[in-house]
């Protein structure tokens, strides 16, 4: 269990990406104005900023990205945060949803991590929205498994996830990761932990759960 280092055929991953984008576009299309302005699991971003960020790779050319990165003094974090807020203010919610659905087959992928990272980008940011809103959407198991198979120490380090002394145990499929005190939950929720997220109360079970719960306003 844990990371099996099994690579899926690229065609399968591409199909999963396209399906995830189309389904998330439909979710976004059905949101109310209040939900678009609700906070996501991404600190400082509402749902609309997450949607803008998810579609940035489809809308920005490499020269434009380079210019934005220079403007952000070389900080990728500052660049993505600035662009997400700017684009969320410029584009309507209908446009943001359409950007995702209309680009379901777009070949964009992050600069590191390959095609699986592109799927992770869509799945995790989709969960940033749906989990925060309490929509109860379940990502299809085959997509979750592709990402679970890629979780390793580099994943945790890149996303700043502190899982020292914790064993993640999925309670809806056969997967575990790490060693230490057990922390259980749905596989997609544990995936969020591996990507450095905190979750609303009620998603996790085990003694360390409070360490990974969002602060309530």
Protein backbone atom coordinates (compact mmCIF):
# COMPACT_ATOMS: atom_id res chain seq x y z
CA UNK A 1 0.00 0.00 0.00
CA UNK A 2 1.10 3.62 -0.12
CA UNK A 3 3.07 4.63 -3.21
CA UNK A 4 3.38 1.75 -5.64
CA UNK A 5 5.28 3.82 -8.25
CA UNK A 6 2.96 2.36 -10.89
CA UNK A 7 2.65 4.62 -13.93
CA UNK A 8 -0.66 4.70 -15.75
CA UNK A 9 -0.79 4.96 -19.55
CA UNK A 10 -0.74 8.61 -20.60
CA UNK A 11 -3.97 8.16 -22.56
CA UNK A 12 -5.77 7.04 -19.39
CA UNK A 13 -4.52 10.05 -17.44
CA UNK A 14 -5.49 12.44 -20.25
CA UNK A 15 -8.98 10.95 -20.31
CA UNK A 16 -9.25 11.38 -16.54
CA UNK A 17 -8.16 15.03 -16.81
CA UNK A 18 -10.73 15.79 -19.51
CA UNK A 19 -13.53 14.13 -17.54
CA UNK A 20 -12.58 15.94 -14.33
CA UNK A 21 -12.54 19.32 -16.04
CA UNK A 22 -15.93 18.80 -17.66
CA UNK A 23 -17.49 17.64 -14.40
CA UNK A 24 -16.00 20.52 -12.42
CA UNK A 25 -17.18 23.00 -15.06
CA UNK A 26 -20.71 21.66 -14.53
CA UNK A 27 -20.29 22.08 -10.75
CA UNK A 28 -19.15 25.67 -11.21
CA UNK A 29 -22.06 26.39 -13.55
CA UNK A 30 -24.46 25.38 -10.80
CA UNK A 31 -23.04 27.57 -8.02
CA UNK A 32 -24.91 30.51 -6.57
CA UNK A 33 -23.43 34.00 -6.36
CA UNK A 34 -22.88 33.46 -2.64
CA UNK A 35 -20.98 30.22 -3.27
CA UNK A 36 -18.70 31.88 -5.81
CA UNK A 37 -17.73 34.39 -3.13
CA UNK A 38 -17.33 31.81 -0.35
CA UNK A 39 -13.86 30.92 0.98
CA UNK A 40 -12.12 27.85 -0.42
CA UNK A 41 -9.54 25.59 1.24
CA UNK A 42 -6.83 27.75 -0.38
CA UNK A 43 -5.91 30.44 2.12
CA UNK A 44 -6.99 33.90 0.96
CA UNK A 45 -8.84 32.62 -2.12
CA UNK A 46 -12.55 32.51 -2.66
CA UNK A 47 -14.07 29.97 -5.01
CA UNK A 48 -13.74 32.46 -7.88
CA UNK A 49 -9.98 32.88 -7.32
CA UNK A 50 -9.50 29.12 -7.34
CA UNK A 51 -11.45 28.83 -10.61
CA UNK A 52 -9.38 31.64 -12.14
CA UNK A 53 -6.16 29.94 -11.07
CA UNK A 54 -7.26 26.57 -12.43
CA UNK A 55 -7.71 28.05 -15.89
CA UNK A 56 -4.64 30.27 -15.94
CA UNK A 57 -2.59 27.74 -17.89
CA UNK A 58 -5.13 27.78 -20.72
CA UNK A 59 -5.23 31.56 -20.98
CA UNK A 60 -1.63 32.70 -20.43
CA UNK A 61 1.09 32.35 -23.07
CA UNK A 62 4.64 31.60 -21.94
CA UNK A 63 5.76 35.20 -22.61
CA UNK A 64 2.86 36.50 -20.52
CA UNK A 65 3.74 34.14 -17.68
CA UNK A 66 7.35 35.32 -17.87
CA UNK A 67 6.23 38.96 -17.65
CA UNK A 68 4.00 38.22 -14.67
CA UNK A 69 6.82 36.35 -12.95
CA UNK A 70 9.17 39.30 -13.44
CA UNK A 71 6.50 41.61 -12.05
CA UNK A 72 6.27 39.32 -9.00
CA UNK A 73 10.08 39.55 -8.55
CA UNK A 74 10.54 35.89 -9.35
CA UNK A 75 8.06 34.58 -6.77
CA UNK A 76 5.74 31.96 -8.25
CA UNK A 77 3.48 32.24 -5.21
CA UNK A 78 3.14 36.04 -5.55
CA UNK A 79 2.54 35.69 -9.28
CA UNK A 80 -0.23 33.09 -9.00
CA UNK A 81 -1.89 34.96 -6.14
CA UNK A 82 -1.87 38.27 -8.01
CA UNK A 83 -3.12 36.71 -11.25
CA UNK A 84 -5.87 34.76 -9.49
CA UNK A 85 -7.25 37.91 -7.85
CA UNK A 86 -6.89 39.99 -11.00
CA UNK A 87 -8.53 37.41 -13.28
CA UNK A 88 -11.33 36.66 -10.81
CA UNK A 89 -12.22 40.35 -10.86
CA UNK A 90 -12.08 40.65 -14.66
CA UNK A 91 -13.98 37.53 -15.74
CA UNK A 92 -17.58 36.62 -14.98
CA UNK A 93 -18.42 33.40 -13.18
CA UNK A 94 -19.95 32.09 -16.40
CA UNK A 95 -16.68 32.76 -18.22
CA UNK A 96 -14.61 31.08 -15.50
CA UNK A 97 -16.72 27.93 -15.68
CA UNK A 98 -16.56 27.92 -19.49
CA UNK A 99 -12.76 28.31 -19.49
CA UNK A 100 -12.55 24.99 -17.66
CA UNK A 101 -15.10 23.02 -19.67
CA UNK A 102 -14.01 24.39 -23.05
CA UNK A 103 -10.40 23.40 -22.34
CA UNK A 104 -11.08 19.86 -21.13
CA UNK A 105 -8.60 18.45 -23.65
CA UNK A 106 -6.00 21.22 -23.34
CA UNK A 107 -2.46 19.75 -23.02
CA UNK A 108 -1.36 22.15 -20.26
CA UNK A 109 0.59 20.63 -17.39
CA UNK A 110 2.64 22.13 -14.54
CA UNK A 111 6.37 22.73 -15.13
CA UNK A 112 7.20 19.79 -12.85
CA UNK A 113 5.45 16.49 -12.22
CA UNK A 114 4.28 15.53 -15.69
CA UNK A 115 0.77 14.65 -16.74
CA UNK A 116 -0.17 13.19 -13.35
CA UNK A 117 0.55 16.63 -11.87
CA UNK A 118 -1.96 18.14 -14.29
CA UNK A 119 -4.61 15.75 -12.98
CA UNK A 120 -3.57 16.57 -9.43
CA UNK A 121 -3.92 20.28 -10.15
CA UNK A 122 -7.51 19.83 -11.29
CA UNK A 123 -8.58 17.31 -8.66
CA UNK A 124 -7.07 19.12 -5.68
CA UNK A 125 -8.31 22.55 -6.67
CA UNK A 126 -11.72 21.06 -7.41
CA UNK A 127 -11.76 19.65 -3.89
CA UNK A 128 -10.61 23.03 -2.56
CA UNK A 129 -13.96 24.25 -3.84
CA UNK A 130 -16.36 21.37 -3.27
CA UNK A 131 -15.11 20.37 0.19
CA UNK A 132 -15.11 23.96 1.42
CA UNK A 133 -18.69 24.40 0.15
CA UNK A 134 -19.81 21.06 1.62
CA UNK A 135 -21.11 19.85 -1.74
CA UNK A 136 -20.31 16.20 -1.05
CA UNK A 137 -18.83 15.54 -4.50
CA UNK A 138 -16.83 12.33 -4.68
CA UNK A 139 -14.01 12.26 -7.20
CA UNK A 140 -14.21 8.95 -9.13
CA UNK A 141 -11.98 6.31 -7.58
CA UNK A 142 -9.81 5.76 -10.64
CA UNK A 143 -8.72 9.42 -10.60
CA UNK A 144 -8.05 9.38 -6.87
CA UNK A 145 -5.97 6.20 -7.20
CA UNK A 146 -3.77 7.74 -9.91
CA UNK A 147 -2.88 10.53 -7.49
CA UNK A 148 -2.52 8.32 -4.43
CA UNK A 149 0.02 6.24 -6.34
CA UNK A 150 2.16 9.35 -6.82
CA UNK A 151 2.19 10.50 -3.18
CA UNK A 152 5.70 10.39 -1.73
CA UNK A 153 8.06 12.47 0.40
CA UNK A 154 8.62 14.87 -2.50
CA UNK A 155 4.88 15.51 -2.72
CA UNK A 156 4.72 16.37 0.97
CA UNK A 157 7.78 18.60 0.74
CA UNK A 158 6.60 20.50 -2.33
CA UNK A 159 3.21 21.29 -0.79
CA UNK A 160 4.48 21.84 2.75
CA UNK A 161 2.50 18.96 4.25
CA UNK A 162 3.70 18.01 7.74
CA UNK A 163 2.70 14.39 8.26
CA UNK A 164 5.55 13.40 10.58
CA UNK A 165 4.44 10.66 12.97
CA UNK A 166 1.16 10.11 11.10
CA UNK A 167 -0.10 7.07 9.22
CA UNK A 168 -2.85 8.00 6.77
CA UNK A 169 -5.44 5.22 6.37
CA UNK A 170 -8.19 5.48 3.78
CA UNK A 171 -11.48 4.09 5.02
CA UNK A 172 -13.11 3.79 1.59
CA UNK A 173 -10.38 1.94 -0.33
CA UNK A 174 -7.20 -0.04 0.33
CA UNK A 175 -4.51 2.62 0.80
CA UNK A 176 -2.25 3.84 3.56
CA UNK A 177 0.80 6.07 3.74
CA UNK A 178 3.40 6.84 6.40
CA UNK A 179 4.02 5.43 9.86
CA UNK A 180 2.84 6.53 13.27
CA UNK A 181 -0.47 7.44 14.84
CA UNK A 182 -3.37 6.43 12.56
CA UNK A 183 -5.45 9.15 10.94
CA UNK A 184 -8.33 7.93 8.79
CA UNK A 185 -10.81 9.41 6.37
CA UNK A 186 -11.99 9.21 2.79
CA UNK A 187 -9.14 8.77 0.33
CA UNK A 188 -9.81 12.11 -1.34
CA UNK A 189 -9.67 13.87 2.03
CA UNK A 190 -6.35 12.22 2.88
CA UNK A 191 -5.09 13.25 -0.55
CA UNK A 192 -5.85 16.85 0.41
CA UNK A 193 -3.70 16.43 3.53
CA UNK A 194 -0.80 15.18 1.38
CA UNK A 195 -1.19 18.35 -0.69
CA UNK A 196 -0.89 20.55 2.38
CA UNK A 197 -4.55 21.32 3.00
CA UNK A 198 -6.56 21.52 6.21
CA UNK A 199 -10.12 20.24 6.25
CA UNK A 200 -13.41 21.32 7.82
CA UNK A 201 -14.40 19.44 11.00
CA UNK A 202 -15.92 15.98 10.62
CA UNK A 203 -13.80 14.67 7.74
CA UNK A 204 -11.06 12.95 9.74
CA UNK A 205 -10.94 10.32 12.47
CA UNK A 206 -8.16 9.62 14.93
CA UNK A 207 -6.30 11.32 17.75
CA UNK A 208 -4.28 13.73 15.52
CA UNK A 209 -7.31 15.01 13.58
CA UNK A 210 -7.44 18.45 15.25
CA UNK A 211 -3.98 19.16 13.85
CA UNK A 212 -5.43 19.14 10.33
CA UNK A 213 -8.73 20.95 10.83
CA UNK A 214 -9.44 24.46 9.57
CA UNK A 215 -10.03 27.19 12.11
CA UNK A 216 -13.69 28.09 12.35
CA UNK A 217 -14.68 31.74 12.13
